[in-house]
Amino acid sequence: MQISDANFIKQMKKGNPDALEYVVDQYAGLVKGVVVNTLKAYKDYYLVEECISDVFIGAYTNIKHFKGDKDDFGKWLCTIAKFKAVDKQREWHRMPIFTELDEGVSYVESAEASVMKQETTDQLLNKLSNLKAVDRKIFIMKYFLEMSNQEIAEKLNLSKAAVDNRLYRGKKVLNKKALGGLFYGKFI
């Protein structure tokens, strides 16, 4: 069977390895961009290549969790890429990340990486799947594609206030799920 834009998701869900090959051909540049952007401080080609491979294997093995069409697939793949890259950062966190600044050399770790250390990739994907589709899109655009609230609003034909409110409510839902609903009001 010929793999195409119309059937690659269905074929991946059936376990067709040709579908994975198609996805690698179509999305390698996008995945590499996300991974390189996250791991650029390490300046390690092999680490980046290993992470890219992990992304595609992770997508192939977790395709059953994907709900959406081909337009959503790229965003889902970017989310996996971001999580896998952060996982790699955690693995390598004992190796200091140095970057040159005007005053000299300083240690750099993004705030996002430190927050992400609290969760595993599977747990975060599971939590995001609990959100409504539009809220999930907003979270992916905001925290993984690093779009501003105004850009998200324009892209989704929403007001900026609606995006702000959905982010706020989505965070509450995710935090509530993280705490299992216990003592929600006390800590947040």
N, C-alpha and C. Protein backbone atom coordinates (compact mmCIF):
# COMPACT_ATOMS: atom_id res chain seq x y z
N MET A 1 0.84 -1.18 0.00
CA MET A 1 0.00 0.00 0.00
C MET A 1 0.88 1.24 0.00
N GLN A 2 0.53 2.21 -0.81
CA GLN A 2 1.25 3.47 -0.90
C GLN A 2 0.85 4.36 0.28
N ILE A 3 1.83 4.85 1.03
CA ILE A 3 1.58 5.73 2.17
C ILE A 3 1.50 7.15 1.65
N SER A 4 0.49 7.89 2.12
CA SER A 4 0.30 9.28 1.67
C SER A 4 -0.19 10.12 2.84
N ASP A 5 -0.38 11.42 2.57
CA ASP A 5 -0.93 12.33 3.56
C ASP A 5 -2.29 11.86 4.08
N ALA A 6 -3.04 11.22 3.22
CA ALA A 6 -4.39 10.81 3.56
C ALA A 6 -4.44 9.59 4.47
N ASN A 7 -3.40 8.74 4.46
CA ASN A 7 -3.53 7.50 5.21
C ASN A 7 -2.38 7.19 6.17
N PHE A 8 -1.40 8.08 6.31
CA PHE A 8 -0.24 7.72 7.13
C PHE A 8 -0.57 7.51 8.61
N ILE A 9 -1.52 8.28 9.14
CA ILE A 9 -1.88 8.12 10.56
C ILE A 9 -2.55 6.76 10.77
N LYS A 10 -3.49 6.44 9.90
CA LYS A 10 -4.18 5.16 10.00
C LYS A 10 -3.20 3.99 9.87
N GLN A 11 -2.26 4.13 8.96
CA GLN A 11 -1.28 3.07 8.75
C GLN A 11 -0.33 2.95 9.94
N MET A 12 0.04 4.09 10.54
CA MET A 12 0.89 4.02 11.75
C MET A 12 0.15 3.31 12.87
N LYS A 13 -1.13 3.61 13.02
CA LYS A 13 -1.92 2.96 14.07
C LYS A 13 -2.03 1.46 13.83
N LYS A 14 -1.93 1.05 12.58
CA LYS A 14 -1.96 -0.38 12.25
C LYS A 14 -0.58 -1.02 12.44
N GLY A 15 0.45 -0.20 12.70
CA GLY A 15 1.79 -0.72 12.91
C GLY A 15 2.61 -0.88 11.64
N ASN A 16 2.22 -0.20 10.58
CA ASN A 16 2.92 -0.29 9.30
C ASN A 16 4.24 0.49 9.38
N PRO A 17 5.39 -0.17 9.27
CA PRO A 17 6.67 0.53 9.36
C PRO A 17 6.90 1.50 8.19
N ASP A 18 6.23 1.29 7.06
CA ASP A 18 6.35 2.23 5.95
C ASP A 18 5.76 3.59 6.32
N ALA A 19 4.75 3.58 7.18
CA ALA A 19 4.15 4.83 7.63
C ALA A 19 5.15 5.61 8.48
N LEU A 20 5.92 4.90 9.30
CA LEU A 20 6.95 5.58 10.08
C LEU A 20 8.00 6.19 9.16
N GLU A 21 8.39 5.47 8.15
CA GLU A 21 9.36 6.00 7.18
C GLU A 21 8.81 7.25 6.51
N TYR A 22 7.53 7.25 6.18
CA TYR A 22 6.89 8.41 5.57
C TYR A 22 6.93 9.61 6.53
N VAL A 23 6.61 9.35 7.80
CA VAL A 23 6.61 10.42 8.81
C VAL A 23 8.01 10.99 8.97
N VAL A 24 9.02 10.14 9.00
CA VAL A 24 10.40 10.61 9.12
C VAL A 24 10.75 11.50 7.92
N ASP A 25 10.39 11.07 6.73
CA ASP A 25 10.68 11.87 5.54
C ASP A 25 9.97 13.22 5.57
N GLN A 26 8.73 13.24 6.02
CA GLN A 26 7.92 14.46 5.99
C GLN A 26 8.23 15.42 7.14
N TYR A 27 8.56 14.91 8.31
CA TYR A 27 8.65 15.74 9.51
C TYR A 27 10.04 15.83 10.11
N ALA A 28 11.05 15.29 9.47
CA ALA A 28 12.40 15.30 10.04
C ALA A 28 12.90 16.72 10.30
N GLY A 29 12.65 17.62 9.37
CA GLY A 29 13.11 19.01 9.54
C GLY A 29 12.46 19.70 10.72
N LEU A 30 11.16 19.51 10.87
CA LEU A 30 10.42 20.10 11.98
C LEU A 30 10.92 19.57 13.32
N VAL A 31 11.06 18.26 13.42
CA VAL A 31 11.53 17.64 14.66
C VAL A 31 12.95 18.09 14.97
N LYS A 32 13.80 18.12 13.96
CA LYS A 32 15.18 18.53 14.19
C LYS A 32 15.24 19.97 14.70
N GLY A 33 14.38 20.84 14.16
CA GLY A 33 14.35 22.23 14.63
C GLY A 33 14.01 22.34 16.11
N VAL A 34 13.01 21.58 16.55
CA VAL A 34 12.61 21.62 17.96
C VAL A 34 13.72 21.07 18.85
N VAL A 35 14.29 19.93 18.45
CA VAL A 35 15.33 19.29 19.26
C VAL A 35 16.59 20.14 19.32
N VAL A 36 17.03 20.65 18.18
CA VAL A 36 18.24 21.48 18.16
C VAL A 36 18.03 22.74 19.00
N ASN A 37 16.85 23.35 18.90
CA ASN A 37 16.58 24.55 19.68
C ASN A 37 16.64 24.27 21.18
N THR A 38 16.18 23.10 21.59
CA THR A 38 16.18 22.75 23.01
C THR A 38 17.56 22.31 23.50
N LEU A 39 18.31 21.60 22.66
CA LEU A 39 19.59 21.03 23.09
C LEU A 39 20.81 21.79 22.56
N LYS A 40 20.62 22.97 21.99
CA LYS A 40 21.73 23.67 21.35
C LYS A 40 22.87 24.00 22.31
N ALA A 41 22.58 24.15 23.58
CA ALA A 41 23.64 24.49 24.53
C ALA A 41 24.66 23.36 24.69
N TYR A 42 24.27 22.12 24.39
CA TYR A 42 25.18 20.99 24.54
C TYR A 42 26.17 20.89 23.39
N LYS A 43 25.82 21.41 22.24
CA LYS A 43 26.70 21.38 21.06
C LYS A 43 27.20 19.95 20.79
N ASP A 44 26.29 19.00 20.87
CA ASP A 44 26.63 17.59 20.70
C ASP A 44 25.74 17.00 19.61
N TYR A 45 26.32 16.80 18.43
CA TYR A 45 25.60 16.28 17.28
C TYR A 45 24.97 14.92 17.57
N TYR A 46 25.69 14.05 18.25
CA TYR A 46 25.20 12.70 18.52
C TYR A 46 24.02 12.71 19.49
N LEU A 47 24.05 13.60 20.45
CA LEU A 47 22.94 13.74 21.38
C LEU A 47 21.68 14.17 20.63
N VAL A 48 21.83 15.12 19.73
CA VAL A 48 20.70 15.60 18.93
C VAL A 48 20.15 14.47 18.05
N GLU A 49 21.03 13.76 17.37
CA GLU A 49 20.59 12.67 16.48
C GLU A 49 19.89 11.57 17.27
N GLU A 50 20.42 11.24 18.44
CA GLU A 50 19.80 10.22 19.28
C GLU A 50 18.40 10.67 19.72
N CYS A 51 18.28 11.93 20.07
CA CYS A 51 17.00 12.46 20.51
C CYS A 51 15.98 12.45 19.36
N ILE A 52 16.41 12.81 18.17
CA ILE A 52 15.52 12.80 17.01
C ILE A 52 15.01 11.39 16.76
N SER A 53 15.89 10.42 16.84
CA SER A 53 15.47 9.02 16.69
C SER A 53 14.46 8.63 17.76
N ASP A 54 14.71 9.05 18.99
CA ASP A 54 13.79 8.75 20.09
C ASP A 54 12.41 9.36 19.84
N VAL A 55 12.38 10.54 19.23
CA VAL A 55 11.11 11.20 18.95
C VAL A 55 10.27 10.35 18.00
N PHE A 56 10.87 9.91 16.91
CA PHE A 56 10.11 9.13 15.94
C PHE A 56 9.71 7.76 16.48
N ILE A 57 10.57 7.15 17.26
CA ILE A 57 10.21 5.87 17.88
C ILE A 57 9.08 6.09 18.89
N GLY A 58 9.19 7.16 19.65
CA GLY A 58 8.13 7.49 20.62
C GLY A 58 6.80 7.76 19.94
N ALA A 59 6.82 8.46 18.82
CA ALA A 59 5.59 8.73 18.08
C ALA A 59 4.99 7.43 17.56
N TYR A 60 5.83 6.56 17.05
CA TYR A 60 5.38 5.29 16.48
C TYR A 60 4.76 4.40 17.56
N THR A 61 5.39 4.36 18.73
CA THR A 61 4.88 3.49 19.78
C THR A 61 3.69 4.09 20.53
N ASN A 62 3.53 5.41 20.47
CA ASN A 62 2.44 6.07 21.19
C ASN A 62 1.35 6.60 20.28
N ILE A 63 1.35 6.19 19.02
CA ILE A 63 0.37 6.71 18.07
C ILE A 63 -1.06 6.43 18.52
N LYS A 64 -1.26 5.40 19.32
CA LYS A 64 -2.61 5.08 19.79
C LYS A 64 -3.19 6.21 20.64
N HIS A 65 -2.34 7.05 21.21
CA HIS A 65 -2.81 8.17 22.03
C HIS A 65 -3.15 9.40 21.19
N PHE A 66 -2.77 9.38 19.93
CA PHE A 66 -3.00 10.54 19.07
C PHE A 66 -4.46 10.57 18.64
N LYS A 67 -5.07 11.73 18.86
CA LYS A 67 -6.44 11.96 18.43
C LYS A 67 -6.43 13.23 17.60
N GLY A 68 -6.70 13.11 16.35
CA GLY A 68 -6.72 14.28 15.50
C GLY A 68 -6.46 13.90 14.06
N ASP A 69 -6.26 14.92 13.25
CA ASP A 69 -6.01 14.69 11.84
C ASP A 69 -4.57 15.06 11.50
N LYS A 70 -4.25 15.08 10.22
CA LYS A 70 -2.86 15.34 9.82
C LYS A 70 -2.42 16.75 10.20
N ASP A 71 -3.36 17.69 10.30
CA ASP A 71 -2.99 19.05 10.72
C ASP A 71 -2.52 19.08 12.17
N ASP A 72 -3.13 18.25 13.01
CA ASP A 72 -2.74 18.19 14.42
C ASP A 72 -1.50 17.33 14.64
N PHE A 73 -1.19 16.48 13.68
CA PHE A 73 -0.08 15.54 13.85
C PHE A 73 1.26 16.26 14.04
N GLY A 74 1.51 17.30 13.25
CA GLY A 74 2.76 18.05 13.38
C GLY A 74 2.92 18.67 14.75
N LYS A 75 1.83 19.21 15.30
CA LYS A 75 1.88 19.80 16.63
C LYS A 75 2.14 18.72 17.68
N TRP A 76 1.48 17.57 17.52
CA TRP A 76 1.68 16.46 18.44
C TRP A 76 3.13 15.98 18.39
N LEU A 77 3.67 15.89 17.20
CA LEU A 77 5.06 15.46 17.03
C LEU A 77 6.03 16.48 17.65
N CYS A 78 5.73 17.76 17.50
CA CYS A 78 6.56 18.81 18.13
C CYS A 78 6.52 18.68 19.65
N THR A 79 5.36 18.34 20.19
CA THR A 79 5.24 18.16 21.63
C THR A 79 6.11 17.00 22.10
N ILE A 80 6.05 15.90 21.38
CA ILE A 80 6.89 14.76 21.72
C ILE A 80 8.36 15.14 21.62
N ALA A 81 8.72 15.88 20.56
CA ALA A 81 10.11 16.29 20.38
C ALA A 81 10.58 17.14 21.56
N LYS A 82 9.74 18.07 21.98
CA LYS A 82 10.11 18.93 23.11
C LYS A 82 10.30 18.10 24.38
N PHE A 83 9.37 17.16 24.64
CA PHE A 83 9.47 16.33 25.83
C PHE A 83 10.70 15.44 25.78
N LYS A 84 10.96 14.84 24.64
CA LYS A 84 12.13 13.96 24.52
C LYS A 84 13.42 14.76 24.70
N ALA A 85 13.46 15.96 24.14
CA ALA A 85 14.65 16.80 24.29
C ALA A 85 14.86 17.18 25.76
N VAL A 86 13.78 17.48 26.45
CA VAL A 86 13.89 17.80 27.88
C VAL A 86 14.31 16.56 28.66
N ASP A 87 13.81 15.39 28.27
CA ASP A 87 14.27 14.15 28.89
C ASP A 87 15.78 13.98 28.72
N LYS A 88 16.28 14.28 27.51
CA LYS A 88 17.73 14.21 27.26
C LYS A 88 18.47 15.20 28.15
N GLN A 89 17.90 16.38 28.33
CA GLN A 89 18.53 17.36 29.22
C GLN A 89 18.62 16.81 30.63
N ARG A 90 17.56 16.15 31.08
CA ARG A 90 17.57 15.56 32.42
C ARG A 90 18.65 14.50 32.54
N GLU A 91 18.79 13.67 31.49
CA GLU A 91 19.83 12.64 31.50
C GLU A 91 21.21 13.26 31.61
N TRP A 92 21.37 14.37 30.94
CA TRP A 92 22.68 15.01 30.88
C TRP A 92 22.81 16.17 31.86
N HIS A 93 21.85 16.31 32.77
CA HIS A 93 21.85 17.50 33.63
C HIS A 93 23.08 17.61 34.52
N ARG A 94 23.76 16.52 34.76
CA ARG A 94 24.97 16.59 35.58
C ARG A 94 26.14 17.19 34.81
N MET A 95 26.01 17.15 33.50
CA MET A 95 27.04 17.79 32.69
C MET A 95 26.66 19.27 32.58
N PRO A 96 27.48 20.17 33.06
CA PRO A 96 27.11 21.57 33.02
C PRO A 96 26.96 22.08 31.58
N ILE A 97 25.98 22.94 31.42
CA ILE A 97 25.73 23.58 30.13
C ILE A 97 26.30 25.00 30.23
N PHE A 98 27.28 25.29 29.44
CA PHE A 98 27.88 26.61 29.48
C PHE A 98 27.63 27.34 28.17
N THR A 99 27.40 28.61 28.29
CA THR A 99 27.22 29.45 27.12
C THR A 99 27.99 30.74 27.34
N GLU A 100 28.53 31.29 26.29
CA GLU A 100 29.31 32.51 26.41
C GLU A 100 28.40 33.72 26.49
N LEU A 101 28.64 34.55 27.49
CA LEU A 101 27.94 35.82 27.65
C LEU A 101 28.98 36.93 27.59
N ASP A 102 28.49 38.17 27.57
CA ASP A 102 29.41 39.31 27.48
C ASP A 102 30.41 39.34 28.64
N GLU A 103 29.95 38.99 29.84
CA GLU A 103 30.83 39.07 31.00
C GLU A 103 31.72 37.85 31.16
N GLY A 104 31.53 36.82 30.39
CA GLY A 104 32.33 35.61 30.54
C GLY A 104 31.49 34.39 30.27
N VAL A 105 31.75 33.34 31.01
CA VAL A 105 31.03 32.08 30.83
C VAL A 105 30.13 31.86 32.03
N SER A 106 28.87 31.50 31.76
CA SER A 106 27.91 31.28 32.83
C SER A 106 27.13 30.00 32.59
N TYR A 107 26.64 29.41 33.64
CA TYR A 107 25.80 28.23 33.56
C TYR A 107 24.41 28.66 33.12
N VAL A 108 23.81 27.91 32.22
CA VAL A 108 22.49 28.25 31.70
C VAL A 108 21.57 27.04 31.78
N GLU A 109 20.42 27.21 32.36
CA GLU A 109 19.36 26.20 32.29
C GLU A 109 18.05 26.95 32.19
N SER A 110 17.23 26.59 31.23
CA SER A 110 15.98 27.32 31.03
C SER A 110 15.01 27.01 32.16
N ALA A 111 14.13 27.97 32.43
CA ALA A 111 13.10 27.77 33.45
C ALA A 111 12.19 26.62 33.04
N GLU A 112 11.93 26.52 31.74
CA GLU A 112 11.09 25.44 31.24
C GLU A 112 11.70 24.08 31.57
N ALA A 113 13.00 23.95 31.41
CA ALA A 113 13.67 22.68 31.68
C ALA A 113 13.55 22.30 33.16
N SER A 114 13.69 23.28 34.05
CA SER A 114 13.60 22.97 35.47
C SER A 114 12.18 22.55 35.87
N VAL A 115 11.17 23.16 35.25
CA VAL A 115 9.79 22.76 35.53
C VAL A 115 9.52 21.38 34.96
N MET A 116 10.03 21.13 33.76
CA MET A 116 9.78 19.87 33.09
C MET A 116 10.45 18.70 33.81
N LYS A 117 11.45 18.95 34.63
CA LYS A 117 12.12 17.88 35.35
C LYS A 117 11.17 17.16 36.28
N GLN A 118 10.06 17.79 36.64
CA GLN A 118 9.13 17.19 37.58
C GLN A 118 8.28 16.10 36.95
N GLU A 119 8.20 16.06 35.65
CA GLU A 119 7.29 15.14 34.99
C GLU A 119 8.03 14.29 33.96
N THR A 120 7.52 13.13 33.70
CA THR A 120 8.06 12.35 32.60
C THR A 120 7.25 12.66 31.36
N THR A 121 7.78 12.32 30.23
CA THR A 121 7.11 12.60 28.96
C THR A 121 5.73 11.96 28.92
N ASP A 122 5.63 10.72 29.30
CA ASP A 122 4.34 10.04 29.23
C ASP A 122 3.30 10.68 30.15
N GLN A 123 3.72 11.09 31.33
CA GLN A 123 2.79 11.72 32.25
C GLN A 123 2.28 13.05 31.68
N LEU A 124 3.17 13.82 31.09
CA LEU A 124 2.75 15.10 30.53
C LEU A 124 1.82 14.92 29.33
N LEU A 125 2.14 13.97 28.47
CA LEU A 125 1.25 13.70 27.33
C LEU A 125 -0.12 13.26 27.82
N ASN A 126 -0.13 12.44 28.84
CA ASN A 126 -1.39 11.97 29.41
C ASN A 126 -2.19 13.13 29.99
N LYS A 127 -1.54 14.01 30.71
CA LYS A 127 -2.23 15.16 31.29
C LYS A 127 -2.78 16.09 30.21
N LEU A 128 -2.00 16.34 29.17
CA LEU A 128 -2.48 17.20 28.09
C LEU A 128 -3.67 16.58 27.37
N SER A 129 -3.73 15.27 27.33
CA SER A 129 -4.86 14.62 26.66
C SER A 129 -6.15 14.81 27.43
N ASN A 130 -6.08 15.23 28.69
CA ASN A 130 -7.28 15.50 29.49
C ASN A 130 -7.92 16.84 29.16
N LEU A 131 -7.20 17.69 28.45
CA LEU A 131 -7.73 19.00 28.09
C LEU A 131 -8.61 18.90 26.85
N LYS A 132 -9.49 19.87 26.68
CA LYS A 132 -10.29 19.97 25.46
C LYS A 132 -9.33 20.23 24.30
N ALA A 133 -9.75 19.88 23.11
CA ALA A 133 -8.88 19.98 21.93
C ALA A 133 -8.35 21.40 21.74
N VAL A 134 -9.20 22.40 21.87
CA VAL A 134 -8.75 23.78 21.66
C VAL A 134 -7.75 24.19 22.75
N ASP A 135 -8.00 23.76 23.98
CA ASP A 135 -7.07 24.09 25.07
C ASP A 135 -5.73 23.40 24.87
N ARG A 136 -5.77 22.16 24.40
CA ARG A 136 -4.54 21.42 24.11
C ARG A 136 -3.74 22.15 23.03
N LYS A 137 -4.42 22.62 21.99
CA LYS A 137 -3.74 23.38 20.93
C LYS A 137 -3.10 24.64 21.49
N ILE A 138 -3.84 25.33 22.35
CA ILE A 138 -3.32 26.57 22.95
C ILE A 138 -2.07 26.28 23.78
N PHE A 139 -2.10 25.22 24.60
CA PHE A 139 -0.94 24.86 25.41
C PHE A 139 0.26 24.50 24.54
N ILE A 140 0.04 23.75 23.51
CA ILE A 140 1.13 23.36 22.62
C ILE A 140 1.72 24.59 21.94
N MET A 141 0.85 25.47 21.45
CA MET A 141 1.33 26.68 20.78
C MET A 141 2.10 27.58 21.75
N LYS A 142 1.59 27.69 22.97
CA LYS A 142 2.21 28.59 23.96
C LYS A 142 3.53 28.04 24.49
N TYR A 143 3.53 26.80 24.96
CA TYR A 143 4.67 26.30 25.71
C TYR A 143 5.65 25.46 24.90
N PHE A 144 5.24 25.01 23.72
CA PHE A 144 6.15 24.18 22.93
C PHE A 144 6.53 24.82 21.62
N LEU A 145 5.63 25.60 21.04
CA LEU A 145 5.97 26.33 19.83
C LEU A 145 6.37 27.77 20.16
N GLU A 146 6.24 28.11 21.46
CA GLU A 146 6.67 29.40 22.00
C GLU A 146 6.05 30.59 21.28
N MET A 147 4.75 30.49 21.03
CA MET A 147 4.02 31.58 20.41
C MET A 147 3.46 32.48 21.51
N SER A 148 3.29 33.76 21.20
CA SER A 148 2.71 34.68 22.17
C SER A 148 1.20 34.46 22.22
N ASN A 149 0.58 34.96 23.28
CA ASN A 149 -0.87 34.82 23.41
C ASN A 149 -1.59 35.51 22.26
N GLN A 150 -1.07 36.64 21.81
CA GLN A 150 -1.68 37.37 20.70
C GLN A 150 -1.57 36.55 19.40
N GLU A 151 -0.43 35.92 19.17
CA GLU A 151 -0.26 35.09 17.97
C GLU A 151 -1.22 33.90 17.99
N ILE A 152 -1.37 33.31 19.17
CA ILE A 152 -2.29 32.18 19.31
C ILE A 152 -3.71 32.63 19.02
N ALA A 153 -4.08 33.77 19.58
CA ALA A 153 -5.43 34.30 19.38
C ALA A 153 -5.71 34.52 17.89
N GLU A 154 -4.76 35.10 17.19
CA GLU A 154 -4.94 35.34 15.76
C GLU A 154 -5.03 34.03 14.99
N LYS A 155 -4.19 33.06 15.33
CA LYS A 155 -4.16 31.79 14.63
C LYS A 155 -5.46 31.00 14.83
N LEU A 156 -6.03 31.08 16.02
CA LEU A 156 -7.23 30.30 16.34
C LEU A 156 -8.52 31.12 16.26
N ASN A 157 -8.42 32.36 15.81
CA ASN A 157 -9.59 33.25 15.69
C ASN A 157 -10.31 33.43 17.03
N LEU A 158 -9.52 33.65 18.06
CA LEU A 158 -10.04 33.91 19.40
C LEU A 158 -9.54 35.28 19.84
N SER A 159 -10.15 35.81 20.89
CA SER A 159 -9.63 37.04 21.46
C SER A 159 -8.44 36.70 22.35
N LYS A 160 -7.58 37.68 22.58
CA LYS A 160 -6.43 37.45 23.45
C LYS A 160 -6.91 37.11 24.86
N ALA A 161 -7.99 37.75 25.30
CA ALA A 161 -8.54 37.46 26.63
C ALA A 161 -9.01 36.01 26.72
N ALA A 162 -9.60 35.50 25.65
CA ALA A 162 -10.06 34.10 25.65
C ALA A 162 -8.86 33.15 25.78
N VAL A 163 -7.77 33.47 25.09
CA VAL A 163 -6.56 32.65 25.19
C VAL A 163 -6.01 32.72 26.60
N ASP A 164 -5.94 33.92 27.17
CA ASP A 164 -5.46 34.08 28.55
C ASP A 164 -6.29 33.25 29.52
N ASN A 165 -7.62 33.34 29.38
CA ASN A 165 -8.52 32.61 30.27
C ASN A 165 -8.35 31.11 30.11
N ARG A 166 -8.23 30.63 28.87
CA ARG A 166 -8.09 29.19 28.63
C ARG A 166 -6.77 28.68 29.20
N LEU A 167 -5.71 29.47 29.09
CA LEU A 167 -4.43 29.07 29.68
C LEU A 167 -4.55 28.99 31.20
N TYR A 168 -5.18 29.97 31.79
CA TYR A 168 -5.35 30.00 33.24
C TYR A 168 -6.17 28.79 33.71
N ARG A 169 -7.32 28.56 33.06
CA ARG A 169 -8.16 27.43 33.46
C ARG A 169 -7.48 26.10 33.17
N GLY A 170 -6.77 26.03 32.06
CA GLY A 170 -6.06 24.79 31.72
C GLY A 170 -5.00 24.45 32.75
N LYS A 171 -4.28 25.47 33.22
CA LYS A 171 -3.27 25.24 34.26
C LYS A 171 -3.91 24.72 35.54
N LYS A 172 -5.09 25.27 35.88
CA LYS A 172 -5.79 24.80 37.06
C LYS A 172 -6.19 23.34 36.90
N VAL A 173 -6.69 22.98 35.72
CA VAL A 173 -7.08 21.59 35.47
C VAL A 173 -5.87 20.67 35.57
N LEU A 174 -4.76 21.07 34.95
CA LEU A 174 -3.55 20.24 34.99
C LEU A 174 -3.01 20.12 36.40
N ASN A 175 -3.02 21.21 37.16
CA ASN A 175 -2.55 21.16 38.55
C ASN A 175 -3.46 20.29 39.40
N LYS A 176 -4.76 20.38 39.17
CA LYS A 176 -5.71 19.57 39.92
C LYS A 176 -5.48 18.09 39.62
N LYS A 177 -5.26 17.75 38.35
CA LYS A 177 -4.98 16.37 37.98
C LYS A 177 -3.68 15.90 38.61
N ALA A 178 -2.69 16.81 38.68
CA ALA A 178 -1.38 16.44 39.24
C ALA A 178 -1.51 16.10 40.72
N LEU A 179 -2.40 16.81 41.42
CA LEU A 179 -2.58 16.57 42.85
C LEU A 179 -3.65 15.53 43.12
N GLY A 180 -4.24 14.99 42.07
CA GLY A 180 -5.28 13.98 42.26
C GLY A 180 -6.54 14.56 42.88
N GLY A 181 -6.68 15.88 42.83
CA GLY A 181 -7.87 16.52 43.37
C GLY A 181 -7.79 16.76 44.86
N LEU A 182 -6.75 16.29 45.53
CA LEU A 182 -6.63 16.45 46.97
C LEU A 182 -6.00 17.78 47.33
N PHE A 183 -6.57 18.46 48.29
CA PHE A 183 -6.03 19.70 48.82
C PHE A 183 -5.81 20.76 47.74
N TYR A 184 -6.59 20.70 46.70
CA TYR A 184 -6.38 21.60 45.56
C TYR A 184 -6.40 23.06 45.98
N GLY A 185 -7.36 23.44 46.77
CA GLY A 185 -7.50 24.84 47.15
C GLY A 185 -6.38 25.34 48.07
N LYS A 186 -5.80 24.46 48.89
CA LYS A 186 -4.80 24.87 49.85
C LYS A 186 -3.48 25.28 49.23
N PHE A 187 -3.06 24.59 48.20
CA PHE A 187 -1.71 24.78 47.69
C PHE A 187 -1.63 25.68 46.48
N ILE A 188 -2.73 25.92 45.82
CA ILE A 188 -2.67 26.66 44.56
C ILE A 188 -3.38 27.97 44.67
